[in-house]
Amino acid sequence: MKKLLLVLLVVCLSGCTQTIQNDPLKNSQSIKQDDKQKVVEAEKKQLMDGIKQTMPEEIYQELTNKKVVYEIDDIITIGNDQNNPTLRLDFAYQDGQLVQFVNKEYGFLDTLPTRMTSEQQAKETAKTFAKVFLNQDVKLQKTTALSGYDTDQYITFKDENHHTYLVALNINVLLKYNENS
C-alpha cells in the first residue's frame, strides 16, 4: 500500500511539475499573441488616421462605415467590402517602410464630386501623403505621366529620390505612390 501511494505521489508530482512548467510557456505565447494583435490594431488605426489626413472626407467615411482590413504578406488592404469592393487602398511595405500605395480605381471614386484642382494643389496632396505616410518632407517636380495616365485628368510627380506620385486632378486624390526600386 505504501509503495502504491509513493508511486501515485511521484506520478502526481511529475504531472503537476509538467503542468506548472508548461503554463508559463502557454502564458508567454498568449501574451506574445496579444502584443502582436495590439501592434496590428495600432497600425490599422495609424493607417486610418493617415487616410483621414490625406484623402477626401467621403473616402474616410466610407472606410470608417464599411471598413474591411486584411493583410497578406507585407500588403495591408483597406476596402469597403472584401469580395466586391468599390473602394480599396493597398499599402505595400518592405522592412516596415511603405514602398507602394495604390488606390484601386473602382466605382467609388467615380461617385466623388468633381474638385478640379491645380498642379500646385495636386503637388500639395502628394506632399501631404509623403509627410503622413513616409514621414518625409519632399520636393516634387512634374514628370512624365505614368503609363495609362497620360491625359489631362492626371498628373505625375517625382521627388528627389525618384519616387513617383500620381494624383487624379478631377477629384484631387492620390492614386499611386511607387518607391524607386
N, C-alpha and C. Protein backbone atom coordinates (compact mmCIF):
# COMPACT_ATOMS: atom_id res chain seq x y z
N MET A 1 0.82 -1.18 0.00
CA MET A 1 0.00 0.00 0.00
C MET A 1 0.87 1.26 0.00
N LYS A 2 1.95 1.25 0.82
CA LYS A 2 2.84 2.40 0.88
C LYS A 2 3.52 2.61 -0.47
N LYS A 3 3.88 1.47 -1.14
CA LYS A 3 4.52 1.60 -2.45
C LYS A 3 3.55 2.22 -3.45
N LEU A 4 2.29 1.84 -3.42
CA LEU A 4 1.29 2.37 -4.33
C LEU A 4 1.10 3.87 -4.09
N LEU A 5 1.03 4.28 -2.83
CA LEU A 5 0.90 5.70 -2.51
C LEU A 5 2.13 6.47 -2.97
N LEU A 6 3.30 5.88 -2.79
CA LEU A 6 4.53 6.53 -3.21
C LEU A 6 4.56 6.69 -4.74
N VAL A 7 4.13 5.66 -5.47
CA VAL A 7 4.08 5.73 -6.94
C VAL A 7 3.07 6.80 -7.37
N LEU A 8 1.90 6.83 -6.74
CA LEU A 8 0.90 7.84 -7.06
C LEU A 8 1.42 9.25 -6.77
N LEU A 9 2.13 9.39 -5.66
CA LEU A 9 2.70 10.67 -5.29
C LEU A 9 3.73 11.12 -6.33
N VAL A 10 4.60 10.21 -6.76
CA VAL A 10 5.62 10.54 -7.76
C VAL A 10 4.96 10.90 -9.09
N VAL A 11 3.94 10.12 -9.51
CA VAL A 11 3.24 10.39 -10.76
C VAL A 11 2.55 11.74 -10.68
N CYS A 12 1.90 12.00 -9.57
CA CYS A 12 1.21 13.28 -9.40
C CYS A 12 2.20 14.44 -9.43
N LEU A 13 3.30 14.29 -8.71
CA LEU A 13 4.28 15.36 -8.67
C LEU A 13 4.90 15.61 -10.04
N SER A 14 5.21 14.56 -10.78
CA SER A 14 5.79 14.76 -12.11
C SER A 14 4.77 15.37 -13.05
N GLY A 15 3.51 14.97 -12.94
CA GLY A 15 2.45 15.55 -13.77
C GLY A 15 2.21 17.00 -13.40
N CYS A 16 2.18 17.29 -12.12
CA CYS A 16 1.96 18.67 -11.67
C CYS A 16 3.13 19.54 -12.09
N THR A 17 4.35 19.00 -11.96
CA THR A 17 5.53 19.76 -12.36
C THR A 17 5.47 20.05 -13.85
N GLN A 18 5.09 19.07 -14.63
CA GLN A 18 4.99 19.25 -16.07
C GLN A 18 3.96 20.34 -16.38
N THR A 19 2.81 20.31 -15.71
CA THR A 19 1.77 21.31 -15.94
C THR A 19 2.28 22.70 -15.57
N ILE A 20 2.96 22.81 -14.45
CA ILE A 20 3.49 24.09 -14.00
C ILE A 20 4.53 24.60 -15.00
N GLN A 21 5.37 23.68 -15.50
CA GLN A 21 6.38 24.09 -16.46
C GLN A 21 5.75 24.57 -17.77
N ASN A 22 4.65 23.93 -18.19
CA ASN A 22 4.02 24.30 -19.45
C ASN A 22 3.19 25.58 -19.35
N ASP A 23 2.62 25.85 -18.23
CA ASP A 23 1.76 27.02 -18.10
C ASP A 23 2.48 28.32 -18.43
N PRO A 24 3.69 28.57 -17.94
CA PRO A 24 4.36 29.83 -18.30
C PRO A 24 4.58 29.94 -19.81
N LEU A 25 4.86 28.84 -20.46
CA LEU A 25 5.05 28.87 -21.90
C LEU A 25 3.76 29.27 -22.60
N LYS A 26 2.65 28.65 -22.17
CA LYS A 26 1.36 28.99 -22.77
C LYS A 26 1.03 30.45 -22.49
N ASN A 27 1.27 30.89 -21.27
CA ASN A 27 1.02 32.30 -20.94
C ASN A 27 1.89 33.21 -21.77
N SER A 28 3.16 32.84 -21.95
CA SER A 28 4.09 33.65 -22.73
C SER A 28 3.61 33.75 -24.18
N GLN A 29 3.18 32.63 -24.76
CA GLN A 29 2.68 32.64 -26.12
C GLN A 29 1.42 33.48 -26.23
N SER A 30 0.56 33.37 -25.24
CA SER A 30 -0.67 34.15 -25.22
C SER A 30 -0.36 35.64 -25.14
N ILE A 31 0.60 36.01 -24.30
CA ILE A 31 1.00 37.41 -24.17
C ILE A 31 1.60 37.90 -25.48
N LYS A 32 2.46 37.10 -26.11
CA LYS A 32 3.06 37.49 -27.39
C LYS A 32 1.98 37.70 -28.44
N GLN A 33 0.98 36.82 -28.49
CA GLN A 33 -0.11 36.95 -29.45
C GLN A 33 -0.91 38.22 -29.17
N ASP A 34 -1.17 38.52 -27.89
CA ASP A 34 -1.88 39.74 -27.52
C ASP A 34 -1.09 40.97 -27.93
N ASP A 35 0.24 40.96 -27.70
CA ASP A 35 1.09 42.09 -28.09
C ASP A 35 1.07 42.28 -29.60
N LYS A 36 1.14 41.18 -30.35
CA LYS A 36 1.12 41.27 -31.81
C LYS A 36 -0.21 41.85 -32.28
N GLN A 37 -1.30 41.42 -31.67
CA GLN A 37 -2.63 41.94 -32.03
C GLN A 37 -2.72 43.43 -31.74
N LYS A 38 -2.14 43.87 -30.63
CA LYS A 38 -2.14 45.30 -30.29
C LYS A 38 -1.35 46.10 -31.32
N VAL A 39 -0.23 45.56 -31.77
CA VAL A 39 0.58 46.24 -32.78
C VAL A 39 -0.20 46.34 -34.08
N VAL A 40 -0.86 45.27 -34.49
CA VAL A 40 -1.65 45.27 -35.72
C VAL A 40 -2.78 46.29 -35.63
N GLU A 41 -3.46 46.33 -34.49
CA GLU A 41 -4.55 47.29 -34.30
C GLU A 41 -4.02 48.72 -34.34
N ALA A 42 -2.85 48.96 -33.76
CA ALA A 42 -2.24 50.29 -33.78
C ALA A 42 -1.88 50.69 -35.21
N GLU A 43 -1.37 49.73 -36.00
CA GLU A 43 -1.04 50.01 -37.40
C GLU A 43 -2.29 50.37 -38.19
N LYS A 44 -3.38 49.63 -37.97
CA LYS A 44 -4.64 49.90 -38.67
C LYS A 44 -5.16 51.29 -38.30
N LYS A 45 -5.09 51.63 -37.02
CA LYS A 45 -5.53 52.95 -36.58
C LYS A 45 -4.68 54.03 -37.22
N GLN A 46 -3.38 53.81 -37.27
CA GLN A 46 -2.46 54.78 -37.87
C GLN A 46 -2.78 54.96 -39.36
N LEU A 47 -3.07 53.87 -40.06
CA LEU A 47 -3.44 53.97 -41.47
C LEU A 47 -4.74 54.76 -41.64
N MET A 48 -5.73 54.48 -40.81
CA MET A 48 -6.99 55.21 -40.90
C MET A 48 -6.79 56.69 -40.58
N ASP A 49 -5.96 57.00 -39.61
CA ASP A 49 -5.65 58.41 -39.31
C ASP A 49 -4.98 59.08 -40.51
N GLY A 50 -4.07 58.36 -41.17
CA GLY A 50 -3.42 58.89 -42.36
C GLY A 50 -4.39 59.10 -43.50
N ILE A 51 -5.32 58.17 -43.67
CA ILE A 51 -6.35 58.31 -44.71
C ILE A 51 -7.19 59.54 -44.43
N LYS A 52 -7.53 59.75 -43.18
CA LYS A 52 -8.33 60.92 -42.81
C LYS A 52 -7.60 62.21 -43.16
N GLN A 53 -6.28 62.23 -42.99
CA GLN A 53 -5.50 63.44 -43.27
C GLN A 53 -5.22 63.67 -44.75
N THR A 54 -5.23 62.61 -45.55
CA THR A 54 -4.77 62.75 -46.93
C THR A 54 -5.83 62.53 -48.00
N MET A 55 -6.97 61.99 -47.63
CA MET A 55 -7.99 61.67 -48.62
C MET A 55 -9.24 62.53 -48.39
N PRO A 56 -10.07 62.65 -49.41
CA PRO A 56 -11.34 63.37 -49.21
C PRO A 56 -12.18 62.71 -48.11
N GLU A 57 -12.97 63.52 -47.45
CA GLU A 57 -13.81 63.05 -46.34
C GLU A 57 -14.69 61.87 -46.75
N GLU A 58 -15.18 61.87 -47.99
CA GLU A 58 -16.06 60.79 -48.45
C GLU A 58 -15.35 59.43 -48.40
N ILE A 59 -14.08 59.40 -48.74
CA ILE A 59 -13.32 58.14 -48.70
C ILE A 59 -13.15 57.69 -47.26
N TYR A 60 -12.76 58.62 -46.40
CA TYR A 60 -12.58 58.28 -44.99
C TYR A 60 -13.89 57.75 -44.39
N GLN A 61 -15.00 58.42 -44.66
CA GLN A 61 -16.29 58.00 -44.10
C GLN A 61 -16.71 56.62 -44.62
N GLU A 62 -16.50 56.38 -45.91
CA GLU A 62 -16.86 55.08 -46.49
C GLU A 62 -16.06 53.96 -45.82
N LEU A 63 -14.78 54.21 -45.61
CA LEU A 63 -13.95 53.18 -44.98
C LEU A 63 -14.27 53.04 -43.50
N THR A 64 -14.62 54.12 -42.84
CA THR A 64 -15.00 54.05 -41.44
C THR A 64 -16.28 53.23 -41.28
N ASN A 65 -17.24 53.46 -42.18
CA ASN A 65 -18.54 52.78 -42.08
C ASN A 65 -18.50 51.33 -42.53
N LYS A 66 -17.67 51.01 -43.51
CA LYS A 66 -17.69 49.66 -44.11
C LYS A 66 -16.30 49.05 -44.15
N LYS A 67 -15.47 49.41 -43.22
CA LYS A 67 -14.05 49.02 -43.27
C LYS A 67 -13.85 47.51 -43.20
N VAL A 68 -13.10 47.01 -44.16
CA VAL A 68 -12.62 45.64 -44.18
C VAL A 68 -11.11 45.74 -44.33
N VAL A 69 -10.38 45.19 -43.37
CA VAL A 69 -8.92 45.26 -43.39
C VAL A 69 -8.37 43.85 -43.39
N TYR A 70 -7.44 43.59 -44.29
CA TYR A 70 -6.75 42.31 -44.23
C TYR A 70 -5.32 42.51 -44.68
N GLU A 71 -4.49 41.58 -44.24
CA GLU A 71 -3.07 41.67 -44.52
C GLU A 71 -2.60 40.36 -45.14
N ILE A 72 -1.94 40.48 -46.26
CA ILE A 72 -1.35 39.32 -46.93
C ILE A 72 0.11 39.66 -47.15
N ASP A 73 0.98 38.85 -46.56
CA ASP A 73 2.42 39.11 -46.59
C ASP A 73 2.67 40.52 -46.06
N ASP A 74 3.24 41.39 -46.87
CA ASP A 74 3.54 42.75 -46.42
C ASP A 74 2.62 43.78 -47.06
N ILE A 75 1.42 43.36 -47.46
CA ILE A 75 0.45 44.28 -48.04
C ILE A 75 -0.77 44.36 -47.13
N ILE A 76 -1.09 45.57 -46.74
CA ILE A 76 -2.30 45.81 -45.94
C ILE A 76 -3.32 46.43 -46.88
N THR A 77 -4.49 45.81 -46.95
CA THR A 77 -5.57 46.29 -47.81
C THR A 77 -6.70 46.78 -46.93
N ILE A 78 -7.19 47.97 -47.24
CA ILE A 78 -8.36 48.52 -46.57
C ILE A 78 -9.38 48.78 -47.65
N GLY A 79 -10.56 48.22 -47.50
CA GLY A 79 -11.60 48.40 -48.50
C GLY A 79 -12.97 48.51 -47.88
N ASN A 80 -13.98 48.67 -48.74
CA ASN A 80 -15.34 48.75 -48.23
C ASN A 80 -16.11 47.43 -48.40
N ASP A 81 -15.43 46.41 -48.91
CA ASP A 81 -16.00 45.06 -48.98
C ASP A 81 -14.87 44.12 -49.38
N GLN A 82 -14.85 42.94 -48.80
CA GLN A 82 -13.75 42.02 -49.11
C GLN A 82 -13.93 41.35 -50.47
N ASN A 83 -15.15 41.00 -50.83
CA ASN A 83 -15.36 40.26 -52.06
C ASN A 83 -15.61 41.14 -53.28
N ASN A 84 -16.38 42.20 -53.12
CA ASN A 84 -16.72 43.09 -54.24
C ASN A 84 -16.54 44.55 -53.83
N PRO A 85 -15.31 44.96 -53.58
CA PRO A 85 -15.11 46.35 -53.13
C PRO A 85 -15.31 47.34 -54.26
N THR A 86 -15.82 48.50 -53.90
CA THR A 86 -15.86 49.62 -54.84
C THR A 86 -14.80 50.64 -54.44
N LEU A 87 -14.19 50.43 -53.28
CA LEU A 87 -13.11 51.27 -52.79
C LEU A 87 -12.09 50.36 -52.12
N ARG A 88 -10.84 50.45 -52.56
CA ARG A 88 -9.80 49.59 -51.99
C ARG A 88 -8.46 50.31 -52.05
N LEU A 89 -7.81 50.39 -50.90
CA LEU A 89 -6.49 51.01 -50.78
C LEU A 89 -5.50 49.93 -50.39
N ASP A 90 -4.43 49.79 -51.17
CA ASP A 90 -3.39 48.79 -50.88
C ASP A 90 -2.11 49.51 -50.47
N PHE A 91 -1.59 49.12 -49.30
CA PHE A 91 -0.35 49.66 -48.78
C PHE A 91 0.67 48.53 -48.74
N ALA A 92 1.71 48.60 -49.54
CA ALA A 92 2.74 47.55 -49.59
C ALA A 92 3.98 48.03 -48.84
N TYR A 93 4.48 47.17 -47.96
CA TYR A 93 5.62 47.51 -47.12
C TYR A 93 6.79 46.57 -47.39
N GLN A 94 7.98 47.08 -47.14
CA GLN A 94 9.18 46.26 -47.18
C GLN A 94 10.05 46.74 -46.02
N ASP A 95 10.38 45.84 -45.14
CA ASP A 95 11.16 46.16 -43.94
C ASP A 95 10.53 47.30 -43.15
N GLY A 96 9.21 47.30 -43.05
CA GLY A 96 8.49 48.30 -42.28
C GLY A 96 8.34 49.64 -42.96
N GLN A 97 8.80 49.79 -44.19
CA GLN A 97 8.74 51.05 -44.93
C GLN A 97 7.73 50.92 -46.06
N LEU A 98 6.85 51.92 -46.21
CA LEU A 98 5.90 51.91 -47.32
C LEU A 98 6.65 52.05 -48.64
N VAL A 99 6.45 51.09 -49.54
CA VAL A 99 7.13 51.12 -50.83
C VAL A 99 6.15 51.32 -51.99
N GLN A 100 4.87 51.07 -51.74
CA GLN A 100 3.90 51.27 -52.80
C GLN A 100 2.52 51.49 -52.18
N PHE A 101 1.77 52.39 -52.78
CA PHE A 101 0.38 52.64 -52.41
C PHE A 101 -0.42 52.66 -53.69
N VAL A 102 -1.56 51.98 -53.67
CA VAL A 102 -2.44 52.01 -54.83
C VAL A 102 -3.87 52.20 -54.35
N ASN A 103 -4.50 53.24 -54.86
CA ASN A 103 -5.92 53.48 -54.63
C ASN A 103 -6.61 52.88 -55.84
N LYS A 104 -7.12 51.67 -55.67
CA LYS A 104 -7.73 50.95 -56.80
C LYS A 104 -8.89 51.75 -57.35
N GLU A 105 -8.88 51.93 -58.64
CA GLU A 105 -9.90 52.76 -59.29
C GLU A 105 -11.15 51.95 -59.60
N TYR A 106 -11.90 51.66 -58.54
CA TYR A 106 -13.19 51.00 -58.68
C TYR A 106 -14.26 52.08 -58.72
N GLY A 107 -15.49 51.69 -58.65
CA GLY A 107 -16.61 52.61 -58.81
C GLY A 107 -16.74 53.72 -57.80
N PHE A 108 -16.27 53.53 -56.57
CA PHE A 108 -16.49 54.54 -55.54
C PHE A 108 -15.88 55.89 -55.92
N LEU A 109 -14.69 55.89 -56.49
CA LEU A 109 -14.04 57.15 -56.86
C LEU A 109 -14.87 57.93 -57.89
N ASP A 110 -15.62 57.21 -58.73
CA ASP A 110 -16.48 57.86 -59.71
C ASP A 110 -17.64 58.60 -59.06
N THR A 111 -17.97 58.25 -57.83
CA THR A 111 -19.08 58.91 -57.13
C THR A 111 -18.65 60.18 -56.41
N LEU A 112 -17.34 60.41 -56.32
CA LEU A 112 -16.87 61.61 -55.63
C LEU A 112 -17.20 62.86 -56.45
N PRO A 113 -17.55 63.94 -55.77
CA PRO A 113 -17.81 65.17 -56.52
C PRO A 113 -16.54 65.67 -57.21
N THR A 114 -16.72 66.25 -58.37
CA THR A 114 -15.59 66.80 -59.12
C THR A 114 -15.02 67.98 -58.35
N ARG A 115 -13.72 67.93 -58.15
CA ARG A 115 -13.00 69.01 -57.47
C ARG A 115 -11.76 69.31 -58.31
N MET A 116 -11.97 69.89 -59.45
CA MET A 116 -10.82 70.19 -60.32
C MET A 116 -9.78 70.94 -59.52
N THR A 117 -8.58 70.46 -59.63
CA THR A 117 -7.51 71.02 -58.83
C THR A 117 -6.36 71.47 -59.73
N SER A 118 -5.61 72.39 -59.23
CA SER A 118 -4.46 72.89 -59.99
C SER A 118 -3.26 71.99 -59.77
N GLU A 119 -2.24 72.20 -60.57
CA GLU A 119 -1.00 71.45 -60.40
C GLU A 119 -0.42 71.69 -59.00
N GLN A 120 -0.49 72.92 -58.52
CA GLN A 120 0.05 73.24 -57.20
C GLN A 120 -0.73 72.53 -56.09
N GLN A 121 -2.06 72.49 -56.21
CA GLN A 121 -2.87 71.79 -55.21
C GLN A 121 -2.58 70.29 -55.24
N ALA A 122 -2.43 69.72 -56.43
CA ALA A 122 -2.11 68.30 -56.56
C ALA A 122 -0.75 68.00 -55.94
N LYS A 123 0.18 68.92 -56.14
CA LYS A 123 1.51 68.76 -55.55
C LYS A 123 1.41 68.76 -54.02
N GLU A 124 0.57 69.61 -53.47
CA GLU A 124 0.37 69.65 -52.01
C GLU A 124 -0.26 68.35 -51.51
N THR A 125 -1.16 67.78 -52.30
CA THR A 125 -1.76 66.49 -51.94
C THR A 125 -0.68 65.42 -51.86
N ALA A 126 0.21 65.38 -52.83
CA ALA A 126 1.30 64.39 -52.83
C ALA A 126 2.27 64.66 -51.68
N LYS A 127 2.57 65.92 -51.41
CA LYS A 127 3.48 66.25 -50.30
C LYS A 127 2.88 65.84 -48.96
N THR A 128 1.57 66.06 -48.80
CA THR A 128 0.90 65.66 -47.56
C THR A 128 0.96 64.15 -47.38
N PHE A 129 0.75 63.42 -48.47
CA PHE A 129 0.85 61.96 -48.42
C PHE A 129 2.24 61.55 -47.95
N ALA A 130 3.28 62.15 -48.54
CA ALA A 130 4.66 61.82 -48.17
C ALA A 130 4.93 62.13 -46.70
N LYS A 131 4.42 63.23 -46.23
CA LYS A 131 4.64 63.63 -44.84
C LYS A 131 3.94 62.65 -43.89
N VAL A 132 2.71 62.31 -44.19
CA VAL A 132 1.91 61.46 -43.30
C VAL A 132 2.35 60.00 -43.35
N PHE A 133 2.50 59.44 -44.53
CA PHE A 133 2.76 58.01 -44.66
C PHE A 133 4.24 57.64 -44.73
N LEU A 134 5.08 58.59 -45.15
CA LEU A 134 6.51 58.29 -45.28
C LEU A 134 7.34 59.05 -44.26
N ASN A 135 6.69 59.97 -43.56
CA ASN A 135 7.37 60.83 -42.59
C ASN A 135 8.52 61.59 -43.25
N GLN A 136 8.24 62.12 -44.45
CA GLN A 136 9.27 62.84 -45.21
C GLN A 136 8.71 64.13 -45.77
N ASP A 137 9.51 65.15 -45.75
CA ASP A 137 9.22 66.38 -46.48
C ASP A 137 9.91 66.24 -47.82
N VAL A 138 9.13 66.31 -48.90
CA VAL A 138 9.70 66.07 -50.22
C VAL A 138 9.55 67.30 -51.11
N LYS A 139 10.46 67.40 -52.05
CA LYS A 139 10.36 68.41 -53.11
C LYS A 139 9.93 67.65 -54.35
N LEU A 140 8.88 68.14 -54.98
CA LEU A 140 8.32 67.44 -56.12
C LEU A 140 8.44 68.25 -57.39
N GLN A 141 8.59 67.52 -58.47
CA GLN A 141 8.53 68.16 -59.78
C GLN A 141 7.68 67.29 -60.70
N LYS A 142 6.98 67.95 -61.59
CA LYS A 142 6.16 67.24 -62.56
C LYS A 142 7.08 66.39 -63.43
N THR A 143 6.63 65.20 -63.76
CA THR A 143 7.43 64.28 -64.56
C THR A 143 6.56 63.63 -65.62
N THR A 144 7.17 62.78 -66.42
CA THR A 144 6.46 62.05 -67.46
C THR A 144 5.31 61.26 -66.84
N ALA A 145 4.16 61.30 -67.49
CA ALA A 145 2.98 60.60 -66.98
C ALA A 145 3.22 59.11 -66.89
N LEU A 146 2.65 58.51 -65.87
CA LEU A 146 2.69 57.04 -65.76
C LEU A 146 1.91 56.45 -66.91
N SER A 147 2.32 55.30 -67.37
CA SER A 147 1.66 54.62 -68.47
C SER A 147 0.17 54.43 -68.15
N GLY A 148 -0.66 54.82 -69.09
CA GLY A 148 -2.10 54.69 -68.91
C GLY A 148 -2.74 55.91 -68.26
N TYR A 149 -1.92 56.84 -67.82
CA TYR A 149 -2.42 58.04 -67.13
C TYR A 149 -1.92 59.30 -67.84
N ASP A 150 -1.81 59.24 -69.14
CA ASP A 150 -1.26 60.35 -69.89
C ASP A 150 -2.35 61.25 -70.48
N THR A 151 -3.34 61.58 -69.65
CA THR A 151 -4.38 62.53 -70.04
C THR A 151 -4.32 63.72 -69.10
N ASP A 152 -5.12 64.73 -69.40
CA ASP A 152 -5.13 65.92 -68.55
C ASP A 152 -5.91 65.70 -67.25
N GLN A 153 -6.40 64.51 -67.01
CA GLN A 153 -7.10 64.19 -65.76
C GLN A 153 -6.14 63.77 -64.64
N TYR A 154 -4.88 63.54 -65.00
CA TYR A 154 -3.89 63.04 -64.05
C TYR A 154 -2.61 63.85 -64.13
N ILE A 155 -1.87 63.83 -63.03
CA ILE A 155 -0.56 64.45 -63.02
C ILE A 155 0.38 63.56 -62.21
N THR A 156 1.59 63.41 -62.71
CA THR A 156 2.59 62.57 -62.04
C THR A 156 3.74 63.46 -61.57
N PHE A 157 4.14 63.23 -60.32
CA PHE A 157 5.28 63.94 -59.74
C PHE A 157 6.36 62.94 -59.37
N LYS A 158 7.57 63.46 -59.30
CA LYS A 158 8.71 62.67 -58.86
C LYS A 158 9.40 63.48 -57.78
N ASP A 159 9.83 62.80 -56.70
CA ASP A 159 10.57 63.52 -55.66
C ASP A 159 12.07 63.37 -55.89
N GLU A 160 12.87 63.93 -55.00
CA GLU A 160 14.33 63.93 -55.17
C GLU A 160 14.93 62.52 -55.14
N ASN A 161 14.19 61.54 -54.61
CA ASN A 161 14.65 60.16 -54.61
C ASN A 161 14.07 59.35 -55.77
N HIS A 162 13.41 60.05 -56.68
CA HIS A 162 12.79 59.46 -57.87
C HIS A 162 11.60 58.57 -57.54
N HIS A 163 10.98 58.77 -56.38
CA HIS A 163 9.72 58.09 -56.06
C HIS A 163 8.62 58.84 -56.80
N THR A 164 7.61 58.12 -57.27
CA THR A 164 6.56 58.75 -58.06
C THR A 164 5.23 58.80 -57.31
N TYR A 165 4.47 59.85 -57.63
CA TYR A 165 3.17 60.12 -57.02
C TYR A 165 2.22 60.46 -58.16
N LEU A 166 1.08 59.78 -58.23
CA LEU A 166 0.08 60.04 -59.26
C LEU A 166 -1.16 60.61 -58.59
N VAL A 167 -1.61 61.77 -59.06
CA VAL A 167 -2.79 62.42 -58.49
C VAL A 167 -3.85 62.58 -59.57
N ALA A 168 -5.10 62.26 -59.23
CA ALA A 168 -6.24 62.49 -60.13
C ALA A 168 -6.66 63.94 -59.94
N LEU A 169 -6.54 64.74 -60.99
CA LEU A 169 -6.82 66.17 -60.90
C LEU A 169 -8.31 66.48 -60.73
N ASN A 170 -9.18 65.62 -61.23
CA ASN A 170 -10.61 65.92 -61.17
C ASN A 170 -11.21 65.70 -59.77
N ILE A 171 -10.51 64.95 -58.91
CA ILE A 171 -11.01 64.72 -57.55
C ILE A 171 -9.94 64.99 -56.48
N ASN A 172 -8.76 65.40 -56.92
CA ASN A 172 -7.64 65.71 -56.03
C ASN A 172 -7.36 64.57 -55.04
N VAL A 173 -7.14 63.38 -55.59
CA VAL A 173 -6.86 62.19 -54.79
C VAL A 173 -5.57 61.55 -55.30
N LEU A 174 -4.70 61.19 -54.37
CA LEU A 174 -3.51 60.44 -54.73
C LEU A 174 -3.94 59.02 -55.07
N LEU A 175 -3.60 58.58 -56.28
CA LEU A 175 -3.98 57.25 -56.73
C LEU A 175 -2.85 56.24 -56.57
N LYS A 176 -1.61 56.71 -56.73
CA LYS A 176 -0.49 55.78 -56.66
C LYS A 176 0.73 56.47 -56.06
N TYR A 177 1.49 55.67 -55.33
CA TYR A 177 2.84 56.06 -54.88
C TYR A 177 3.72 54.86 -55.14
N ASN A 178 4.86 55.08 -55.75
CA ASN A 178 5.82 54.00 -56.01
C ASN A 178 7.20 54.44 -55.57
N GLU A 179 7.79 53.65 -54.70
CA GLU A 179 9.18 53.92 -54.32
C GLU A 179 10.07 53.52 -55.48
N ASN A 180 11.09 54.31 -55.72
CA ASN A 180 12.07 53.97 -56.73
C ASN A 180 12.82 52.74 -56.27
N SER A 181 12.77 51.68 -57.06
CA SER A 181 13.44 50.45 -56.59
C SER A 181 14.69 50.17 -57.37
